[in-house]
Amino acid sequence: MSVVSGQWSVVSCQLSVVSCQLSVFTSSLFPVTCHLSPVTSSLFPDYL
């Protein structure tokens, strides 16, 4: 069981790193989409 839990901790660590990279990627893309798309700006007026 220790091997399985060790592999699961490695997988969960990799997943957290991937989700962190995705959040940074989407946060860097969001202002660009907001400027490029007037539909996005009209849909999310609170974020501007």
PDB file of N, CA and C in Angstrom:
ATOM      1  N   MET A   1       0.820  -1.211   0.000  1.00  0.00           N
ATOM      2  CA  MET A   1       0.000   0.000   0.000  1.00  0.00           C
ATOM      3  C   MET A   1       0.852   1.258   0.000  1.00  0.00           C
ATOM      4  N   SER A   2       2.060   1.168   0.550  1.00  0.00           N
ATOM      5  CA  SER A   2       2.907   2.361   0.607  1.00  0.00           C
ATOM      6  C   SER A   2       3.362   2.776  -0.796  1.00  0.00           C
ATOM      7  N   VAL A   3       3.550   1.790  -1.678  1.00  0.00           N
ATOM      8  CA  VAL A   3       3.943   2.110  -3.050  1.00  0.00           C
ATOM      9  C   VAL A   3       2.809   2.814  -3.778  1.00  0.00           C
ATOM     10  N   VAL A   4       1.590   2.328  -3.568  1.00  0.00           N
ATOM     11  CA  VAL A   4       0.423   2.927  -4.225  1.00  0.00           C
ATOM     12  C   VAL A   4       0.205   4.348  -3.723  1.00  0.00           C
ATOM     13  N   SER A   5       0.331   4.546  -2.424  1.00  0.00           N
ATOM     14  CA  SER A   5       0.125   5.893  -1.877  1.00  0.00           C
ATOM     15  C   SER A   5       1.236   6.827  -2.322  1.00  0.00           C
ATOM     16  N   GLY A   6       2.442   6.292  -2.492  1.00  0.00           N
ATOM     17  CA  GLY A   6       3.539   7.110  -2.988  1.00  0.00           C
ATOM     18  C   GLY A   6       3.315   7.544  -4.427  1.00  0.00           C
ATOM     19  N   GLN A   7       2.832   6.610  -5.251  1.00  0.00           N
ATOM     20  CA  GLN A   7       2.521   6.960  -6.636  1.00  0.00           C
ATOM     21  C   GLN A   7       1.383   7.960  -6.691  1.00  0.00           C
ATOM     22  N   TRP A   8       0.382   7.825  -5.800  1.00  0.00           N
ATOM     23  CA  TRP A   8      -0.752   8.748  -5.801  1.00  0.00           C
ATOM     24  C   TRP A   8      -0.313  10.150  -5.395  1.00  0.00           C
ATOM     25  N   SER A   9       0.630  10.239  -4.455  1.00  0.00           N
ATOM     26  CA  SER A   9       1.107  11.559  -4.043  1.00  0.00           C
ATOM     27  C   SER A   9       1.893  12.217  -5.172  1.00  0.00           C
ATOM     28  N   VAL A  10       2.633  11.433  -5.946  1.00  0.00           N
ATOM     29  CA  VAL A  10       3.361  11.976  -7.093  1.00  0.00           C
ATOM     30  C   VAL A  10       2.387  12.468  -8.157  1.00  0.00           C
ATOM     31  N   VAL A  11       1.345  11.691  -8.413  1.00  0.00           N
ATOM     32  CA  VAL A  11       0.348  12.074  -9.411  1.00  0.00           C
ATOM     33  C   VAL A  11      -0.394  13.331  -8.974  1.00  0.00           C
ATOM     34  N   SER A  12      -0.762  13.409  -7.703  1.00  0.00           N
ATOM     35  CA  SER A  12      -1.491  14.583  -7.221  1.00  0.00           C
ATOM     36  C   SER A  12      -0.591  15.813  -7.254  1.00  0.00           C
ATOM     37  N   CYS A  13       0.698  15.621  -7.017  1.00  0.00           N
ATOM     38  CA  CYS A  13       1.639  16.738  -7.096  1.00  0.00           C
ATOM     39  C   CYS A  13       1.747  17.235  -8.533  1.00  0.00           C
ATOM     40  N   GLN A  14       1.839  16.319  -9.488  1.00  0.00           N
ATOM     41  CA  GLN A  14       1.902  16.709 -10.894  1.00  0.00           C
ATOM     42  C   GLN A  14       0.612  17.408 -11.322  1.00  0.00           C
ATOM     43  N   LEU A  15      -0.527  16.940 -10.819  1.00  0.00           N
ATOM     44  CA  LEU A  15      -1.802  17.559 -11.162  1.00  0.00           C
ATOM     45  C   LEU A  15      -1.892  18.971 -10.600  1.00  0.00           C
ATOM     46  N   SER A  16      -1.374  19.186  -9.410  1.00  0.00           N
ATOM     47  CA  SER A  16      -1.420  20.521  -8.829  1.00  0.00           C
ATOM     48  C   SER A  16      -0.509  21.472  -9.595  1.00  0.00           C
ATOM     49  N   VAL A  17       0.629  20.976 -10.071  1.00  0.00           N
ATOM     50  CA  VAL A  17       1.531  21.797 -10.877  1.00  0.00           C
ATOM     51  C   VAL A  17       0.874  22.162 -12.205  1.00  0.00           C
ATOM     52  N   VAL A  18       0.202  21.192 -12.828  1.00  0.00           N
ATOM     53  CA  VAL A  18      -0.471  21.442 -14.098  1.00  0.00           C
ATOM     54  C   VAL A  18      -1.604  22.451 -13.918  1.00  0.00           C
ATOM     55  N   SER A  19      -2.374  22.313 -12.849  1.00  0.00           N
ATOM     56  CA  SER A  19      -3.478  23.244 -12.617  1.00  0.00           C
ATOM     57  C   SER A  19      -2.948  24.638 -12.320  1.00  0.00           C
ATOM     58  N   CYS A  20      -1.804  24.723 -11.648  1.00  0.00           N
ATOM     59  CA  CYS A  20      -1.186  26.020 -11.381  1.00  0.00           C
ATOM     60  C   CYS A  20      -0.742  26.665 -12.690  1.00  0.00           C
ATOM     61  N   GLN A  21      -0.127  25.895 -13.575  1.00  0.00           N
ATOM     62  CA  GLN A  21       0.289  26.422 -14.870  1.00  0.00           C
ATOM     63  C   GLN A  21      -0.907  26.849 -15.705  1.00  0.00           C
ATOM     64  N   LEU A  22      -1.999  26.078 -15.630  1.00  0.00           N
ATOM     65  CA  LEU A  22      -3.201  26.426 -16.385  1.00  0.00           C
ATOM     66  C   LEU A  22      -3.825  27.711 -15.874  1.00  0.00           C
ATOM     67  N   SER A  23      -3.818  27.903 -14.555  1.00  0.00           N
ATOM     68  CA  SER A  23      -4.407  29.126 -14.003  1.00  0.00           C
ATOM     69  C   SER A  23      -3.578  30.346 -14.398  1.00  0.00           C
ATOM     70  N   VAL A  24      -2.245  30.194 -14.407  1.00  0.00           N
ATOM     71  CA  VAL A  24      -1.383  31.293 -14.835  1.00  0.00           C
ATOM     72  C   VAL A  24      -1.601  31.585 -16.317  1.00  0.00           C
ATOM     73  N   PHE A  25      -1.748  30.525 -17.108  1.00  0.00           N
ATOM     74  CA  PHE A  25      -1.958  30.673 -18.555  1.00  0.00           C
ATOM     75  C   PHE A  25      -3.281  31.375 -18.845  1.00  0.00           C
ATOM     76  N   THR A  26      -4.351  30.962 -18.170  1.00  0.00           N
ATOM     77  CA  THR A  26      -5.661  31.565 -18.411  1.00  0.00           C
ATOM     78  C   THR A  26      -5.709  32.996 -17.886  1.00  0.00           C
ATOM     79  N   SER A  27      -5.026  33.261 -16.779  1.00  0.00           N
ATOM     80  CA  SER A  27      -5.037  34.622 -16.246  1.00  0.00           C
ATOM     81  C   SER A  27      -4.252  35.559 -17.158  1.00  0.00           C
ATOM     82  N   SER A  28      -3.230  35.041 -17.837  1.00  0.00           N
ATOM     83  CA  SER A  28      -2.481  35.871 -18.780  1.00  0.00           C
ATOM     84  C   SER A  28      -3.255  36.043 -20.085  1.00  0.00           C
ATOM     85  N   LEU A  29      -4.117  35.076 -20.413  1.00  0.00           N
ATOM     86  CA  LEU A  29      -4.900  35.167 -21.640  1.00  0.00           C
ATOM     87  C   LEU A  29      -6.149  36.016 -21.467  1.00  0.00           C
ATOM     88  N   PHE A  30      -6.656  36.130 -20.232  1.00  0.00           N
ATOM     89  CA  PHE A  30      -7.947  36.792 -20.034  1.00  0.00           C
ATOM     90  C   PHE A  30      -7.945  38.266 -20.427  1.00  0.00           C
ATOM     91  N   PRO A  31      -6.941  39.068 -20.076  1.00  0.00           N
ATOM     92  CA  PRO A  31      -6.952  40.465 -20.535  1.00  0.00           C
ATOM     93  C   PRO A  31      -6.869  40.576 -22.055  1.00  0.00           C
ATOM     94  N   VAL A  32      -6.163  39.653 -22.680  1.00  0.00           N
ATOM     95  CA  VAL A  32      -6.035  39.690 -24.138  1.00  0.00           C
ATOM     96  C   VAL A  32      -7.382  39.418 -24.792  1.00  0.00           C
ATOM     97  N   THR A  33      -8.090  38.407 -24.293  1.00  0.00           N
ATOM     98  CA  THR A  33      -9.411  38.107 -24.847  1.00  0.00           C
ATOM     99  C   THR A  33     -10.376  39.238 -24.539  1.00  0.00           C
ATOM    100  N   CYS A  34     -10.220  39.870 -23.390  1.00  0.00           N
ATOM    101  CA  CYS A  34     -11.114  40.958 -23.018  1.00  0.00           C
ATOM    102  C   CYS A  34     -10.927  42.136 -23.967  1.00  0.00           C
ATOM    103  N   HIS A  35      -9.692  42.401 -24.365  1.00  0.00           N
ATOM    104  CA  HIS A  35      -9.429  43.507 -25.282  1.00  0.00           C
ATOM    105  C   HIS A  35      -9.817  43.147 -26.715  1.00  0.00           C
ATOM    106  N   LEU A  36      -9.653  41.882 -27.066  1.00  0.00           N
ATOM    107  CA  LEU A  36      -9.901  41.486 -28.454  1.00  0.00           C
ATOM    108  C   LEU A  36     -11.376  41.253 -28.727  1.00  0.00           C
ATOM    109  N   SER A  37     -12.132  40.846 -27.701  1.00  0.00           N
ATOM    110  CA  SER A  37     -13.526  40.495 -27.938  1.00  0.00           C
ATOM    111  C   SER A  37     -14.461  41.447 -27.211  1.00  0.00           C
ATOM    112  N   PRO A  38     -15.230  42.244 -27.949  1.00  0.00           N
ATOM    113  CA  PRO A  38     -16.205  43.129 -27.300  1.00  0.00           C
ATOM    114  C   PRO A  38     -17.348  42.362 -26.655  1.00  0.00           C
ATOM    115  N   VAL A  39     -17.585  41.134 -27.124  1.00  0.00           N
ATOM    116  CA  VAL A  39     -18.630  40.309 -26.522  1.00  0.00           C
ATOM    117  C   VAL A  39     -18.233  39.939 -25.094  1.00  0.00           C
ATOM    118  N   THR A  40     -16.960  39.605 -24.909  1.00  0.00           N
ATOM    119  CA  THR A  40     -16.474  39.279 -23.577  1.00  0.00           C
ATOM    120  C   THR A  40     -16.560  40.492 -22.668  1.00  0.00           C
ATOM    121  N   SER A  41     -16.258  41.662 -23.207  1.00  0.00           N
ATOM    122  CA  SER A  41     -16.301  42.877 -22.404  1.00  0.00           C
ATOM    123  C   SER A  41     -17.733  43.220 -22.015  1.00  0.00           C
ATOM    124  N   SER A  42     -18.673  42.936 -22.896  1.00  0.00           N
ATOM    125  CA  SER A  42     -20.072  43.236 -22.580  1.00  0.00           C
ATOM    126  C   SER A  42     -20.658  42.180 -21.651  1.00  0.00           C
ATOM    127  N   LEU A  43     -20.107  40.959 -21.704  1.00  0.00           N
ATOM    128  CA  LEU A  43     -20.602  39.902 -20.831  1.00  0.00           C
ATOM    129  C   LEU A  43     -20.063  40.043 -19.417  1.00  0.00           C
ATOM    130  N   PHE A  44     -18.850  40.560 -19.288  1.00  0.00           N
ATOM    131  CA  PHE A  44     -18.234  40.711 -17.981  1.00  0.00           C
ATOM    132  C   PHE A  44     -17.877  42.164 -17.729  1.00  0.00           C
ATOM    133  N   PRO A  45     -18.861  43.039 -17.519  1.00  0.00           N
ATOM    134  CA  PRO A  45     -18.544  44.457 -17.306  1.00  0.00           C
ATOM    135  C   PRO A  45     -17.940  44.711 -15.921  1.00  0.00           C
ATOM    136  N   ASP A  46     -18.177  43.797 -14.976  1.00  0.00           N
ATOM    137  CA  ASP A  46     -17.682  43.999 -13.615  1.00  0.00           C
ATOM    138  C   ASP A  46     -16.173  43.817 -13.539  1.00  0.00           C
ATOM    139  N   TYR A  47     -15.608  43.038 -14.469  1.00  0.00           N
ATOM    140  CA  TYR A  47     -14.179  42.743 -14.417  1.00  0.00           C
ATOM    141  C   TYR A  47     -13.340  43.828 -15.058  1.00  0.00           C
ATOM    142  N   LEU A  48     -13.964  44.765 -15.752  1.00  0.00           N
ATOM    143  CA  LEU A  48     -13.200  45.783 -16.471  1.00  0.00           C
ATOM    144  C   LEU A  48     -12.878  46.955 -15.566  1.00  0.00           C
TER     145      LEU A  48
END
